[in-house]
Amino acid sequence: MKEIVEFWDSNGFGFTNVNAKQQLLSWLDDSSFLQPKTMILKAMNIACANNKRRLNYIVGILKNWENESLRTIGEIDTYYEKQKPVLKSKPFTVSPSAGRAIPSEFTLDLTAGEE
């Protein structure tokens, strides 16, 4: 309990917001997480990383985890790894030029005429 309150107070969630702290602490007893303290702290870290230091954001994260049946930090980490978009590189294609066609026998000599 102490770690959660200290994290809340020291990370800009609202030092005087006692009601929000109590609601957050209720997740220690009322959640289906195997390690609720660790899960709450992870949700708070995610909220900080996204600059969303509000109770409803943290609760939203926790509810999403419960809805996805994620009960441990390991399950959450695995879940997020699977959610990362895979960036596919597109093959480079040459687009047709908008100007006139250059004859294939043409060669460019940048030194021509500099004698």
Protein backbone atom coordinates (compact mmCIF):
# COMPACT_ATOMS: atom_id res chain seq x y z
CA MET A 1 0.00 0.00 0.00
CA LYS A 2 2.76 2.39 0.95
CA GLU A 3 4.56 1.99 -2.38
CA ILE A 4 1.43 2.82 -4.36
CA VAL A 5 0.71 5.97 -2.33
CA GLU A 6 4.35 7.09 -2.54
CA PHE A 7 4.40 6.51 -6.30
CA TRP A 8 1.14 8.46 -6.62
CA ASP A 9 2.45 11.38 -4.57
CA SER A 10 5.89 11.58 -6.16
CA ASN A 11 4.79 11.29 -9.80
CA GLY A 12 2.27 14.10 -10.11
CA PHE A 13 -1.03 12.26 -9.76
CA GLY A 14 -2.31 14.74 -7.19
CA PHE A 15 -0.84 14.81 -3.73
CA THR A 16 -4.06 15.85 -1.98
CA ASN A 17 -6.45 13.59 -3.89
CA VAL A 18 -7.19 11.17 -1.04
CA ASN A 19 -10.40 9.84 -2.61
CA ALA A 20 -8.60 8.79 -5.80
CA LYS A 21 -5.88 7.06 -3.77
CA GLN A 22 -8.53 5.12 -1.83
CA GLN A 23 -10.24 4.04 -5.05
CA LEU A 24 -6.94 2.89 -6.46
CA LEU A 25 -6.06 1.00 -3.29
CA SER A 26 -9.40 -0.82 -3.47
CA TRP A 27 -7.92 -2.70 -6.43
CA LEU A 28 -5.60 -4.46 -3.97
CA ASP A 29 -8.56 -6.41 -2.58
CA ASP A 30 -11.15 -6.29 -5.35
CA SER A 31 -9.15 -7.40 -8.37
CA SER A 32 -8.45 -10.82 -9.82
CA PHE A 33 -4.74 -10.11 -10.24
CA LEU A 34 -2.29 -12.53 -8.69
CA GLN A 35 -0.02 -9.68 -7.55
CA PRO A 36 -2.30 -6.63 -7.43
CA LYS A 37 0.30 -4.22 -6.01
CA THR A 38 2.71 -4.95 -8.85
CA MET A 39 -0.06 -4.64 -11.42
CA ILE A 40 -1.23 -1.29 -10.05
CA LEU A 41 2.33 0.04 -10.07
CA LYS A 42 2.78 -1.13 -13.68
CA ALA A 43 -0.46 0.62 -14.68
CA MET A 44 0.74 3.78 -12.95
CA ASN A 45 4.07 3.56 -14.80
CA ILE A 46 2.20 3.25 -18.11
CA ALA A 47 0.06 6.25 -17.18
CA CYS A 48 3.20 8.28 -16.46
CA ALA A 49 4.83 7.18 -19.70
CA ASN A 50 1.76 8.37 -21.60
CA ASN A 51 1.54 11.57 -19.53
CA LYS A 52 -1.97 10.60 -18.34
CA ARG A 53 -1.72 11.04 -14.58
CA ARG A 54 -5.38 10.46 -13.76
CA LEU A 55 -7.20 7.82 -11.79
CA ASN A 56 -9.64 6.99 -14.58
CA TYR A 57 -6.74 6.27 -16.95
CA ILE A 58 -5.14 3.85 -14.48
CA VAL A 59 -8.48 2.18 -13.77
CA GLY A 60 -9.06 1.87 -17.52
CA ILE A 61 -5.75 0.05 -17.89
CA LEU A 62 -6.56 -2.28 -14.99
CA LYS A 63 -10.05 -3.02 -16.35
CA ASN A 64 -8.62 -3.78 -19.78
CA TRP A 65 -6.19 -6.23 -18.24
CA GLU A 66 -8.99 -7.94 -16.33
CA ASN A 67 -11.14 -8.09 -19.48
CA GLU A 68 -8.24 -9.69 -21.34
CA SER A 69 -7.75 -12.14 -18.42
CA LEU A 70 -4.22 -10.88 -17.84
CA ARG A 71 -3.36 -11.75 -14.24
CA THR A 72 0.43 -11.36 -14.05
CA ILE A 73 3.14 -8.98 -15.23
CA GLY A 74 4.49 -11.73 -17.49
CA GLU A 75 1.12 -12.11 -19.20
CA ILE A 76 0.92 -8.35 -19.69
CA ASP A 77 4.41 -8.16 -21.17
CA THR A 78 3.63 -11.01 -23.56
CA TYR A 79 0.33 -9.37 -24.51
CA TYR A 80 2.02 -6.05 -25.33
CA GLU A 81 4.77 -7.76 -27.31
CA LYS A 82 2.12 -9.35 -29.51
CA GLN A 83 0.37 -5.99 -29.94
CA LYS A 84 3.40 -4.20 -31.37
CA PRO A 85 2.90 -3.47 -35.04
CA VAL A 86 5.27 -5.23 -37.36
CA LEU A 87 6.78 -2.75 -39.75
CA LYS A 88 7.04 -4.20 -43.21
CA SER A 89 9.44 -2.58 -45.59
CA LYS A 90 8.01 -1.95 -49.00
CA PRO A 91 10.17 -2.77 -51.97
CA PHE A 92 11.59 0.32 -53.61
CA THR A 93 9.89 1.02 -56.88
CA VAL A 94 10.90 3.54 -59.46
CA SER A 95 8.05 5.84 -60.29
CA PRO A 96 7.66 7.10 -63.81
CA SER A 97 9.17 10.53 -64.27
CA ALA A 98 6.87 13.46 -64.80
CA GLY A 99 9.18 15.00 -67.44
CA ARG A 100 10.20 13.99 -70.93
CA ALA A 101 11.66 10.59 -71.66
CA ILE A 102 15.44 10.58 -72.01
CA PRO A 103 16.80 8.45 -74.84
CA SER A 104 18.72 5.41 -73.61
CA GLU A 105 21.80 6.26 -75.71
CA PHE A 106 22.18 9.64 -73.98
CA THR A 107 25.13 9.95 -71.58
CA LEU A 108 25.68 12.87 -69.30
CA ASP A 109 29.19 14.28 -69.30
CA LEU A 110 29.53 16.99 -66.66
CA THR A 111 32.98 17.93 -67.87
CA ALA A 112 31.99 18.52 -71.48
CA GLY A 113 32.94 21.97 -72.74
CA GLU A 114 35.44 22.69 -69.97
CA GLU A 115 38.59 22.40 -71.97
